[in-house]
Amino acid sequence: MKLVLTAALLACAPVAALAQNAPATAAAPAPAAAPAPAAKFSADTPIETLFANEGAKAVLVADGLGDIDKHPAYEQFKAMSFRAIQPFSEGKLTDEMLAKLDADLAKVK
């Protein structure tokens, strides 16, 4: 039995060695990246992204949401958007508030 396994192993060894010696093909150059579009903010933008932008943060303050980063659970929901946390807000984030937030954030350059 050992002889059969050894013979099978030796039979495969040259094939594996040849496979490693194949010439490497050159990778195709990546296409040039298009310039990044200007940031567009909305109620669907992650909260931490909004707080990272001074203009968006000013909108949050003006719309009464500027202190949400002081919430005890902020670290748990900062990657979510206001629209995503609305169902968990117990009615504190209304559809009207989100519509106003969308309109105000759309003006941020």
PDB file of N, CA and C in Angstrom:
ATOM      1  N   MET A   1       0.818  -1.188   0.000  1.00  0.00           N
ATOM      2  CA  MET A   1       0.000   0.000   0.000  1.00  0.00           C
ATOM      3  C   MET A   1       0.868   1.261   0.000  1.00  0.00           C
ATOM      4  N   LYS A   2       1.960   1.231   0.782  1.00  0.00           N
ATOM      5  CA  LYS A   2       2.863   2.376   0.821  1.00  0.00           C
ATOM      6  C   LYS A   2       3.479   2.612  -0.542  1.00  0.00           C
ATOM      7  N   LEU A   3       3.750   1.530  -1.265  1.00  0.00           N
ATOM      8  CA  LEU A   3       4.352   1.641  -2.583  1.00  0.00           C
ATOM      9  C   LEU A   3       3.404   2.340  -3.552  1.00  0.00           C
ATOM     10  N   VAL A   4       2.105   2.030  -3.468  1.00  0.00           N
ATOM     11  CA  VAL A   4       1.115   2.645  -4.347  1.00  0.00           C
ATOM     12  C   VAL A   4       1.006   4.143  -4.050  1.00  0.00           C
ATOM     13  N   LEU A   5       0.959   4.509  -2.781  1.00  0.00           N
ATOM     14  CA  LEU A   5       0.866   5.921  -2.403  1.00  0.00           C
ATOM     15  C   LEU A   5       2.116   6.686  -2.827  1.00  0.00           C
ATOM     16  N   THR A   6       3.277   6.061  -2.650  1.00  0.00           N
ATOM     17  CA  THR A   6       4.521   6.711  -3.050  1.00  0.00           C
ATOM     18  C   THR A   6       4.571   6.911  -4.555  1.00  0.00           C
ATOM     19  N   ALA A   7       4.144   5.902  -5.311  1.00  0.00           N
ATOM     20  CA  ALA A   7       4.144   6.000  -6.769  1.00  0.00           C
ATOM     21  C   ALA A   7       3.186   7.102  -7.229  1.00  0.00           C
ATOM     22  N   ALA A   8       2.022   7.191  -6.600  1.00  0.00           N
ATOM     23  CA  ALA A   8       1.054   8.223  -6.966  1.00  0.00           C
ATOM     24  C   ALA A   8       1.606   9.607  -6.648  1.00  0.00           C
ATOM     25  N   LEU A   9       2.270   9.733  -5.522  1.00  0.00           N
ATOM     26  CA  LEU A   9       2.855  11.011  -5.131  1.00  0.00           C
ATOM     27  C   LEU A   9       3.954  11.429  -6.100  1.00  0.00           C
ATOM     28  N   LEU A  10       4.803  10.487  -6.470  1.00  0.00           N
ATOM     29  CA  LEU A  10       5.886  10.786  -7.407  1.00  0.00           C
ATOM     30  C   LEU A  10       5.355  11.102  -8.796  1.00  0.00           C
ATOM     31  N   ALA A  11       4.258  10.486  -9.177  1.00  0.00           N
ATOM     32  CA  ALA A  11       3.684  10.752 -10.491  1.00  0.00           C
ATOM     33  C   ALA A  11       3.128  12.180 -10.569  1.00  0.00           C
ATOM     34  N   CYS A  12       2.631  12.684  -9.468  1.00  0.00           N
ATOM     35  CA  CYS A  12       2.052  14.036  -9.450  1.00  0.00           C
ATOM     36  C   CYS A  12       3.103  15.120  -9.251  1.00  0.00           C
ATOM     37  N   ALA A  13       4.238  14.786  -8.682  1.00  0.00           N
ATOM     38  CA  ALA A  13       5.266  15.771  -8.353  1.00  0.00           C
ATOM     39  C   ALA A  13       5.751  16.549  -9.567  1.00  0.00           C
ATOM     40  N   PRO A  14       6.091  15.910 -10.709  1.00  0.00           N
ATOM     41  CA  PRO A  14       6.573  16.702 -11.847  1.00  0.00           C
ATOM     42  C   PRO A  14       5.515  17.665 -12.388  1.00  0.00           C
ATOM     43  N   VAL A  15       4.262  17.275 -12.352  1.00  0.00           N
ATOM     44  CA  VAL A  15       3.194  18.142 -12.845  1.00  0.00           C
ATOM     45  C   VAL A  15       3.096  19.393 -11.971  1.00  0.00           C
ATOM     46  N   ALA A  16       3.174  19.213 -10.661  1.00  0.00           N
ATOM     47  CA  ALA A  16       3.105  20.353  -9.752  1.00  0.00           C
ATOM     48  C   ALA A  16       4.304  21.267  -9.951  1.00  0.00           C
ATOM     49  N   ALA A  17       5.463  20.677 -10.169  1.00  0.00           N
ATOM     50  CA  ALA A  17       6.664  21.484 -10.378  1.00  0.00           C
ATOM     51  C   ALA A  17       6.568  22.278 -11.671  1.00  0.00           C
ATOM     52  N   LEU A  18       6.014  21.694 -12.715  1.00  0.00           N
ATOM     53  CA  LEU A  18       5.876  22.397 -13.984  1.00  0.00           C
ATOM     54  C   LEU A  18       4.858  23.530 -13.888  1.00  0.00           C
ATOM     55  N   ALA A  19       3.839  23.304 -13.102  1.00  0.00           N
ATOM     56  CA  ALA A  19       2.805  24.330 -12.964  1.00  0.00           C
ATOM     57  C   ALA A  19       3.369  25.586 -12.308  1.00  0.00           C
ATOM     58  N   GLN A  20       4.354  25.425 -11.464  1.00  0.00           N
ATOM     59  CA  GLN A  20       4.928  26.573 -10.776  1.00  0.00           C
ATOM     60  C   GLN A  20       5.899  27.354 -11.646  1.00  0.00           C
ATOM     61  N   ASN A  21       6.352  26.755 -12.732  1.00  0.00           N
ATOM     62  CA  ASN A  21       7.318  27.422 -13.593  1.00  0.00           C
ATOM     63  C   ASN A  21       6.672  28.157 -14.758  1.00  0.00           C
ATOM     64  N   ALA A  22       5.379  28.182 -14.823  1.00  0.00           N
ATOM     65  CA  ALA A  22       4.695  28.859 -15.918  1.00  0.00           C
ATOM     66  C   ALA A  22       4.989  30.354 -15.841  1.00  0.00           C
ATOM     67  N   PRO A  23       5.184  30.998 -16.990  1.00  0.00           N
ATOM     68  CA  PRO A  23       5.477  32.439 -16.953  1.00  0.00           C
ATOM     69  C   PRO A  23       4.276  33.221 -16.426  1.00  0.00           C
ATOM     70  N   ALA A  24       4.568  34.218 -15.645  1.00  0.00           N
ATOM     71  CA  ALA A  24       3.506  35.061 -15.088  1.00  0.00           C
ATOM     72  C   ALA A  24       2.998  35.996 -16.177  1.00  0.00           C
ATOM     73  N   THR A  25       1.705  36.139 -16.235  1.00  0.00           N
ATOM     74  CA  THR A  25       1.122  37.062 -17.205  1.00  0.00           C
ATOM     75  C   THR A  25       1.016  38.438 -16.561  1.00  0.00           C
ATOM     76  N   ALA A  26       1.260  39.433 -17.330  1.00  0.00           N
ATOM     77  CA  ALA A  26       1.183  40.802 -16.820  1.00  0.00           C
ATOM     78  C   ALA A  26      -0.273  41.173 -16.584  1.00  0.00           C
ATOM     79  N   ALA A  27      -0.515  41.782 -15.456  1.00  0.00           N
ATOM     80  CA  ALA A  27      -1.872  42.217 -15.137  1.00  0.00           C
ATOM     81  C   ALA A  27      -2.222  43.428 -15.995  1.00  0.00           C
ATOM     82  N   ALA A  28      -3.456  43.457 -16.422  1.00  0.00           N
ATOM     83  CA  ALA A  28      -3.916  44.596 -17.224  1.00  0.00           C
ATOM     84  C   ALA A  28      -3.924  45.840 -16.344  1.00  0.00           C
ATOM     85  N   PRO A  29      -3.504  46.974 -16.866  1.00  0.00           N
ATOM     86  CA  PRO A  29      -3.521  48.189 -16.048  1.00  0.00           C
ATOM     87  C   PRO A  29      -4.954  48.571 -15.686  1.00  0.00           C
ATOM     88  N   ALA A  30      -5.096  49.049 -14.482  1.00  0.00           N
ATOM     89  CA  ALA A  30      -6.418  49.461 -14.016  1.00  0.00           C
ATOM     90  C   ALA A  30      -6.837  50.728 -14.756  1.00  0.00           C
ATOM     91  N   PRO A  31      -8.121  50.846 -15.076  1.00  0.00           N
ATOM     92  CA  PRO A  31      -8.578  52.072 -15.732  1.00  0.00           C
ATOM     93  C   PRO A  31      -8.428  53.253 -14.778  1.00  0.00           C
ATOM     94  N   ALA A  32      -8.233  54.404 -15.331  1.00  0.00           N
ATOM     95  CA  ALA A  32      -8.078  55.609 -14.521  1.00  0.00           C
ATOM     96  C   ALA A  32      -9.355  55.860 -13.734  1.00  0.00           C
ATOM     97  N   ALA A  33      -9.173  56.184 -12.482  1.00  0.00           N
ATOM     98  CA  ALA A  33     -10.324  56.428 -11.621  1.00  0.00           C
ATOM     99  C   ALA A  33     -10.980  57.755 -11.995  1.00  0.00           C
ATOM    100  N   ALA A  34     -12.290  57.724 -12.028  1.00  0.00           N
ATOM    101  CA  ALA A  34     -13.041  58.953 -12.305  1.00  0.00           C
ATOM    102  C   ALA A  34     -12.972  59.837 -11.069  1.00  0.00           C
ATOM    103  N   PRO A  35     -13.004  61.132 -11.219  1.00  0.00           N
ATOM    104  CA  PRO A  35     -12.985  61.999 -10.048  1.00  0.00           C
ATOM    105  C   PRO A  35     -14.209  61.733  -9.183  1.00  0.00           C
ATOM    106  N   ALA A  36     -13.993  61.782  -7.892  1.00  0.00           N
ATOM    107  CA  ALA A  36     -15.089  61.520  -6.965  1.00  0.00           C
ATOM    108  C   ALA A  36     -16.137  62.621  -7.075  1.00  0.00           C
ATOM    109  N   PRO A  37     -17.414  62.228  -7.136  1.00  0.00           N
ATOM    110  CA  PRO A  37     -18.454  63.253  -7.192  1.00  0.00           C
ATOM    111  C   PRO A  37     -18.528  63.992  -5.859  1.00  0.00           C
ATOM    112  N   ALA A  38     -19.062  65.169  -5.896  1.00  0.00           N
ATOM    113  CA  ALA A  38     -19.229  65.950  -4.674  1.00  0.00           C
ATOM    114  C   ALA A  38     -20.129  65.181  -3.716  1.00  0.00           C
ATOM    115  N   ALA A  39     -19.826  65.298  -2.455  1.00  0.00           N
ATOM    116  CA  ALA A  39     -20.588  64.566  -1.453  1.00  0.00           C
ATOM    117  C   ALA A  39     -22.039  65.030  -1.460  1.00  0.00           C
ATOM    118  N   LYS A  40     -22.926  64.087  -1.490  1.00  0.00           N
ATOM    119  CA  LYS A  40     -24.354  64.371  -1.398  1.00  0.00           C
ATOM    120  C   LYS A  40     -24.823  63.769  -0.080  1.00  0.00           C
ATOM    121  N   PHE A  41     -25.422  64.574   0.736  1.00  0.00           N
ATOM    122  CA  PHE A  41     -25.879  64.117   2.035  1.00  0.00           C
ATOM    123  C   PHE A  41     -27.393  64.011   2.035  1.00  0.00           C
ATOM    124  N   SER A  42     -27.891  63.061   2.830  1.00  0.00           N
ATOM    125  CA  SER A  42     -29.330  62.879   2.987  1.00  0.00           C
ATOM    126  C   SER A  42     -29.574  62.176   4.314  1.00  0.00           C
ATOM    127  N   ALA A  43     -30.828  61.893   4.595  1.00  0.00           N
ATOM    128  CA  ALA A  43     -31.179  61.154   5.802  1.00  0.00           C
ATOM    129  C   ALA A  43     -30.737  59.703   5.707  1.00  0.00           C
ATOM    130  N   ASP A  44     -30.248  59.282   4.529  1.00  0.00           N
ATOM    131  CA  ASP A  44     -29.734  57.927   4.346  1.00  0.00           C
ATOM    132  C   ASP A  44     -28.217  57.852   4.526  1.00  0.00           C
ATOM    133  N   THR A  45     -27.564  58.970   4.742  1.00  0.00           N
ATOM    134  CA  THR A  45     -26.118  59.014   4.955  1.00  0.00           C
ATOM    135  C   THR A  45     -25.820  58.568   6.385  1.00  0.00           C
ATOM    136  N   PRO A  46     -24.778  57.764   6.596  1.00  0.00           N
ATOM    137  CA  PRO A  46     -24.429  57.373   7.969  1.00  0.00           C
ATOM    138  C   PRO A  46     -24.220  58.600   8.861  1.00  0.00           C
ATOM    139  N   ILE A  47     -24.676  58.497  10.081  1.00  0.00           N
ATOM    140  CA  ILE A  47     -24.635  59.622  11.014  1.00  0.00           C
ATOM    141  C   ILE A  47     -23.202  60.093  11.248  1.00  0.00           C
ATOM    142  N   GLU A  48     -22.260  59.161  11.391  1.00  0.00           N
ATOM    143  CA  GLU A  48     -20.877  59.572  11.636  1.00  0.00           C
ATOM    144  C   GLU A  48     -20.304  60.348  10.448  1.00  0.00           C
ATOM    145  N   THR A  49     -20.760  60.055   9.236  1.00  0.00           N
ATOM    146  CA  THR A  49     -20.322  60.794   8.051  1.00  0.00           C
ATOM    147  C   THR A  49     -20.863  62.215   8.093  1.00  0.00           C
ATOM    148  N   LEU A  50     -22.097  62.368   8.555  1.00  0.00           N
ATOM    149  CA  LEU A  50     -22.687  63.703   8.669  1.00  0.00           C
ATOM    150  C   LEU A  50     -21.931  64.543   9.691  1.00  0.00           C
ATOM    151  N   PHE A  51     -21.588  63.938  10.830  1.00  0.00           N
ATOM    152  CA  PHE A  51     -20.870  64.683  11.863  1.00  0.00           C
ATOM    153  C   PHE A  51     -19.440  65.008  11.443  1.00  0.00           C
ATOM    154  N   ALA A  52     -18.885  64.259  10.508  1.00  0.00           N
ATOM    155  CA  ALA A  52     -17.519  64.510  10.042  1.00  0.00           C
ATOM    156  C   ALA A  52     -17.444  65.710   9.101  1.00  0.00           C
ATOM    157  N   ASN A  53     -18.575  66.137   8.548  1.00  0.00           N
ATOM    158  CA  ASN A  53     -18.612  67.270   7.625  1.00  0.00           C
ATOM    159  C   ASN A  53     -19.188  68.478   8.356  1.00  0.00           C
ATOM    160  N   GLU A  54     -18.450  69.578   8.353  1.00  0.00           N
ATOM    161  CA  GLU A  54     -18.890  70.772   9.094  1.00  0.00           C
ATOM    162  C   GLU A  54     -20.228  71.313   8.606  1.00  0.00           C
ATOM    163  N   GLY A  55     -20.438  71.331   7.293  1.00  0.00           N
ATOM    164  CA  GLY A  55     -21.703  71.834   6.754  1.00  0.00           C
ATOM    165  C   GLY A  55     -22.876  70.958   7.148  1.00  0.00           C
ATOM    166  N   ALA A  56     -22.688  69.647   7.061  1.00  0.00           N
ATOM    167  CA  ALA A  56     -23.759  68.719   7.436  1.00  0.00           C
ATOM    168  C   ALA A  56     -24.016  68.782   8.935  1.00  0.00           C
ATOM    169  N   LYS A  57     -22.949  68.931   9.710  1.00  0.00           N
ATOM    170  CA  LYS A  57     -23.108  69.033  11.162  1.00  0.00           C
ATOM    171  C   LYS A  57     -23.901  70.287  11.528  1.00  0.00           C
ATOM    172  N   ALA A  58     -23.653  71.383  10.816  1.00  0.00           N
ATOM    173  CA  ALA A  58     -24.403  72.618  11.065  1.00  0.00           C
ATOM    174  C   ALA A  58     -25.886  72.415  10.782  1.00  0.00           C
ATOM    175  N   VAL A  59     -26.208  71.645   9.745  1.00  0.00           N
ATOM    176  CA  VAL A  59     -27.609  71.337   9.435  1.00  0.00           C
ATOM    177  C   VAL A  59     -28.218  70.523  10.571  1.00  0.00           C
ATOM    178  N   LEU A  60     -27.477  69.541  11.085  1.00  0.00           N
ATOM    179  CA  LEU A  60     -27.997  68.722  12.186  1.00  0.00           C
ATOM    180  C   LEU A  60     -28.287  69.584  13.409  1.00  0.00           C
ATOM    181  N   VAL A  61     -27.391  70.505  13.704  1.00  0.00           N
ATOM    182  CA  VAL A  61     -27.598  71.403  14.843  1.00  0.00           C
ATOM    183  C   VAL A  61     -28.833  72.267  14.605  1.00  0.00           C
ATOM    184  N   ALA A  62     -28.956  72.831  13.409  1.00  0.00           N
ATOM    185  CA  ALA A  62     -30.092  73.695  13.086  1.00  0.00           C
ATOM    186  C   ALA A  62     -31.412  72.930  13.116  1.00  0.00           C
ATOM    187  N   ASP A  63     -31.366  71.644  12.741  1.00  0.00           N
ATOM    188  CA  ASP A  63     -32.589  70.837  12.728  1.00  0.00           C
ATOM    189  C   ASP A  63     -32.861  70.157  14.068  1.00  0.00           C
ATOM    190  N   GLY A  64     -32.076  70.472  15.090  1.00  0.00           N
ATOM    191  CA  GLY A  64     -32.316  69.928  16.422  1.00  0.00           C
ATOM    192  C   GLY A  64     -31.757  68.536  16.641  1.00  0.00           C
ATOM    193  N   LEU A  65     -30.848  68.100  15.791  1.00  0.00           N
ATOM    194  CA  LEU A  65     -30.271  66.761  15.932  1.00  0.00           C
ATOM    195  C   LEU A  65     -28.777  66.819  16.236  1.00  0.00           C
ATOM    196  N   GLY A  66     -28.281  67.985  16.555  1.00  0.00           N
ATOM    197  CA  GLY A  66     -26.851  68.178  16.747  1.00  0.00           C
ATOM    198  C   GLY A  66     -26.270  67.554  17.992  1.00  0.00           C
ATOM    199  N   ASP A  67     -27.115  67.150  18.937  1.00  0.00           N
ATOM    200  CA  ASP A  67     -26.596  66.555  20.165  1.00  0.00           C
ATOM    201  C   ASP A  67     -26.706  65.032  20.180  1.00  0.00           C
ATOM    202  N   ILE A  68     -27.083  64.441  19.064  1.00  0.00           N
ATOM    203  CA  ILE A  68     -27.256  62.985  19.037  1.00  0.00           C
ATOM    204  C   ILE A  68     -25.929  62.260  19.247  1.00  0.00           C
ATOM    205  N   ASP A  69     -24.813  62.927  18.959  1.00  0.00           N
ATOM    206  CA  ASP A  69     -23.514  62.290  19.180  1.00  0.00           C
ATOM    207  C   ASP A  69     -23.177  62.175  20.668  1.00  0.00           C
ATOM    208  N   LYS A  70     -23.987  62.787  21.516  1.00  0.00           N
ATOM    209  CA  LYS A  70     -23.814  62.674  22.969  1.00  0.00           C
ATOM    210  C   LYS A  70     -24.647  61.522  23.542  1.00  0.00           C
ATOM    211  N   HIS A  71     -25.461  60.875  22.726  1.00  0.00           N
ATOM    212  CA  HIS A  71     -26.315  59.773  23.173  1.00  0.00           C
ATOM    213  C   HIS A  71     -25.444  58.635  23.701  1.00  0.00           C
ATOM    214  N   PRO A  72     -25.849  57.985  24.798  1.00  0.00           N
ATOM    215  CA  PRO A  72     -25.037  56.902  25.364  1.00  0.00           C
ATOM    216  C   PRO A  72     -24.784  55.741  24.392  1.00  0.00           C
ATOM    217  N   ALA A  73     -25.679  55.519  23.458  1.00  0.00           N
ATOM    218  CA  ALA A  73     -25.528  54.406  22.518  1.00  0.00           C
ATOM    219  C   ALA A  73     -24.998  54.858  21.159  1.00  0.00           C
ATOM    220  N   TYR A  74     -24.440  56.068  21.088  1.00  0.00           N
ATOM    221  CA  TYR A  74     -23.979  56.619  19.808  1.00  0.00           C
ATOM    222  C   TYR A  74     -23.013  55.674  19.093  1.00  0.00           C
ATOM    223  N   GLU A  75     -22.081  55.089  19.807  1.00  0.00           N
ATOM    224  CA  GLU A  75     -21.104  54.184  19.185  1.00  0.00           C
ATOM    225  C   GLU A  75     -21.786  52.993  18.521  1.00  0.00           C
ATOM    226  N   GLN A  76     -22.950  52.604  19.008  1.00  0.00           N
ATOM    227  CA  GLN A  76     -23.657  51.451  18.461  1.00  0.00           C
ATOM    228  C   GLN A  76     -24.436  51.796  17.199  1.00  0.00           C
ATOM    229  N   PHE A  77     -24.878  53.033  17.051  1.00  0.00           N
ATOM    230  CA  PHE A  77     -25.710  53.361  15.883  1.00  0.00           C
ATOM    231  C   PHE A  77     -25.092  54.398  14.954  1.00  0.00           C
ATOM    232  N   LYS A  78     -23.876  54.845  15.202  1.00  0.00           N
ATOM    233  CA  LYS A  78     -23.292  55.913  14.389  1.00  0.00           C
ATOM    234  C   LYS A  78     -23.085  55.515  12.934  1.00  0.00           C
ATOM    235  N   ALA A  79     -22.975  54.236  12.643  1.00  0.00           N
ATOM    236  CA  ALA A  79     -22.806  53.788  11.253  1.00  0.00           C
ATOM    237  C   ALA A  79     -24.147  53.694  10.524  1.00  0.00           C
ATOM    238  N   MET A  80     -25.236  53.883  11.243  1.00  0.00           N
ATOM    239  CA  MET A  80     -26.574  53.836  10.649  1.00  0.00           C
ATOM    240  C   MET A  80     -26.985  55.249  10.233  1.00  0.00           C
ATOM    241  N   SER A  81     -27.983  55.319   9.387  1.00  0.00           N
ATOM    242  CA  SER A  81     -28.509  56.618   8.964  1.00  0.00           C
ATOM    243  C   SER A  81     -29.695  56.993   9.849  1.00  0.00           C
ATOM    244  N   PHE A  82     -30.103  58.254   9.764  1.00  0.00           N
ATOM    245  CA  PHE A  82     -31.285  58.675  10.518  1.00  0.00           C
ATOM    246  C   PHE A  82     -32.518  57.903  10.050  1.00  0.00           C
ATOM    247  N   ARG A  83     -32.607  57.629   8.764  1.00  0.00           N
ATOM    248  CA  ARG A  83     -33.743  56.878   8.253  1.00  0.00           C
ATOM    249  C   ARG A  83     -33.733  55.443   8.810  1.00  0.00           C
ATOM    250  N   ALA A  84     -32.547  54.867   8.989  1.00  0.00           N
ATOM    251  CA  ALA A  84     -32.442  53.505   9.515  1.00  0.00           C
ATOM    252  C   ALA A  84     -32.795  53.442  11.002  1.00  0.00           C
ATOM    253  N   ILE A  85     -32.495  54.502  11.747  1.00  0.00           N
ATOM    254  CA  ILE A  85     -32.801  54.459  13.178  1.00  0.00           C
ATOM    255  C   ILE A  85     -34.199  54.972  13.498  1.00  0.00           C
ATOM    256  N   GLN A  86     -34.902  55.503  12.514  1.00  0.00           N
ATOM    257  CA  GLN A  86     -36.246  56.034  12.759  1.00  0.00           C
ATOM    258  C   GLN A  86     -37.172  55.017  13.433  1.00  0.00           C
ATOM    259  N   PRO A  87     -37.207  53.748  12.989  1.00  0.00           N
ATOM    260  CA  PRO A  87     -38.119  52.801  13.642  1.00  0.00           C
ATOM    261  C   PRO A  87     -37.800  52.567  15.120  1.00  0.00           C
ATOM    262  N   PHE A  88     -36.576  52.838  15.538  1.00  0.00           N
ATOM    263  CA  PHE A  88     -36.173  52.620  16.924  1.00  0.00           C
ATOM    264  C   PHE A  88     -36.289  53.885  17.768  1.00  0.00           C
ATOM    265  N   SER A  89     -36.725  54.984  17.172  1.00  0.00           N
ATOM    266  CA  SER A  89     -36.726  56.278  17.854  1.00  0.00           C
ATOM    267  C   SER A  89     -37.969  56.526  18.703  1.00  0.00           C
ATOM    268  N   GLU A  90     -38.874  55.584  18.727  1.00  0.00           N
ATOM    269  CA  GLU A  90     -40.113  55.715  19.504  1.00  0.00           C
ATOM    270  C   GLU A  90     -40.876  56.982  19.137  1.00  0.00           C
ATOM    271  N   GLY A  91     -40.902  57.305  17.845  1.00  0.00           N
ATOM    272  CA  GLY A  91     -41.665  58.448  17.360  1.00  0.00           C
ATOM    273  C   GLY A  91     -40.944  59.780  17.428  1.00  0.00           C
ATOM    274  N   LYS A  92     -39.724  59.794  17.938  1.00  0.00           N
ATOM    275  CA  LYS A  92     -38.993  61.061  18.054  1.00  0.00           C
ATOM    276  C   LYS A  92     -38.461  61.549  16.712  1.00  0.00           C
ATOM    277  N   LEU A  93     -38.238  60.640  15.767  1.00  0.00           N
ATOM    278  CA  LEU A  93     -37.838  61.011  14.401  1.00  0.00           C
ATOM    279  C   LEU A  93     -39.036  60.783  13.495  1.00  0.00           C
ATOM    280  N   THR A  94     -39.708  61.848  13.139  1.00  0.00           N
ATOM    281  CA  THR A  94     -40.907  61.731  12.310  1.00  0.00           C
ATOM    282  C   THR A  94     -40.545  61.793  10.830  1.00  0.00           C
ATOM    283  N   ASP A  95     -41.498  61.413   9.988  1.00  0.00           N
ATOM    284  CA  ASP A  95     -41.299  61.511   8.541  1.00  0.00           C
ATOM    285  C   ASP A  95     -41.056  62.962   8.127  1.00  0.00           C
ATOM    286  N   GLU A  96     -41.745  63.889   8.791  1.00  0.00           N
ATOM    287  CA  GLU A  96     -41.578  65.304   8.479  1.00  0.00           C
ATOM    288  C   GLU A  96     -40.159  65.772   8.810  1.00  0.00           C
ATOM    289  N   MET A  97     -39.622  65.304   9.941  1.00  0.00           N
ATOM    290  CA  MET A  97     -38.258  65.667  10.323  1.00  0.00           C
ATOM    291  C   MET A  97     -37.255  65.139   9.302  1.00  0.00           C
ATOM    292  N   LEU A  98     -37.466  63.913   8.845  1.00  0.00           N
ATOM    293  CA  LEU A  98     -36.553  63.330   7.859  1.00  0.00           C
ATOM    294  C   LEU A  98     -36.650  64.055   6.521  1.00  0.00           C
ATOM    295  N   ALA A  99     -37.865  64.470   6.147  1.00  0.00           N
ATOM    296  CA  ALA A  99     -38.032  65.216   4.894  1.00  0.00           C
ATOM    297  C   ALA A  99     -37.310  66.561   4.977  1.00  0.00           C
ATOM    298  N   LYS A 100     -37.430  67.249   6.120  1.00  0.00           N
ATOM    299  CA  LYS A 100     -36.728  68.523   6.314  1.00  0.00           C
ATOM    300  C   LYS A 100     -35.218  68.300   6.320  1.00  0.00           C
ATOM    301  N   LEU A 101     -34.780  67.240   6.970  1.00  0.00           N
ATOM    302  CA  LEU A 101     -33.355  66.922   7.009  1.00  0.00           C
ATOM    303  C   LEU A 101     -32.824  66.658   5.602  1.00  0.00           C
ATOM    304  N   ASP A 102     -33.585  65.894   4.815  1.00  0.00           N
ATOM    305  CA  ASP A 102     -33.194  65.634   3.423  1.00  0.00           C
ATOM    306  C   ASP A 102     -33.050  66.940   2.640  1.00  0.00           C
ATOM    307  N   ALA A 103     -34.042  67.810   2.778  1.00  0.00           N
ATOM    308  CA  ALA A 103     -34.025  69.077   2.034  1.00  0.00           C
ATOM    309  C   ALA A 103     -32.849  69.953   2.467  1.00  0.00           C
ATOM    310  N   ASP A 104     -32.605  70.026   3.766  1.00  0.00           N
ATOM    311  CA  ASP A 104     -31.516  70.866   4.269  1.00  0.00           C
ATOM    312  C   ASP A 104     -30.143  70.292   3.914  1.00  0.00           C
ATOM    313  N   LEU A 105     -29.994  68.976   4.002  1.00  0.00           N
ATOM    314  CA  LEU A 105     -28.705  68.357   3.681  1.00  0.00           C
ATOM    315  C   LEU A 105     -28.390  68.428   2.189  1.00  0.00           C
ATOM    316  N   ALA A 106     -29.431  68.462   1.360  1.00  0.00           N
ATOM    317  CA  ALA A 106     -29.214  68.553  -0.091  1.00  0.00           C
ATOM    318  C   ALA A 106     -28.547  69.874  -0.466  1.00  0.00           C
ATOM    319  N   LYS A 107     -28.679  70.887   0.383  1.00  0.00           N
ATOM    320  CA  LYS A 107     -28.087  72.199   0.112  1.00  0.00           C
ATOM    321  C   LYS A 107     -26.607  72.276   0.499  1.00  0.00           C
ATOM    322  N   VAL A 108     -26.134  71.288   1.267  1.00  0.00           N
ATOM    323  CA  VAL A 108     -24.742  71.301   1.722  1.00  0.00           C
ATOM    324  C   VAL A 108     -23.823  71.000   0.551  1.00  0.00           C
ATOM    325  N   LYS A 109     -22.798  71.797   0.416  1.00  0.00           N
ATOM    326  CA  LYS A 109     -21.838  71.609  -0.687  1.00  0.00           C
ATOM    327  C   LYS A 109     -20.620  70.890  -0.196  1.00  0.00           C
TER     328      LYS A 109
END
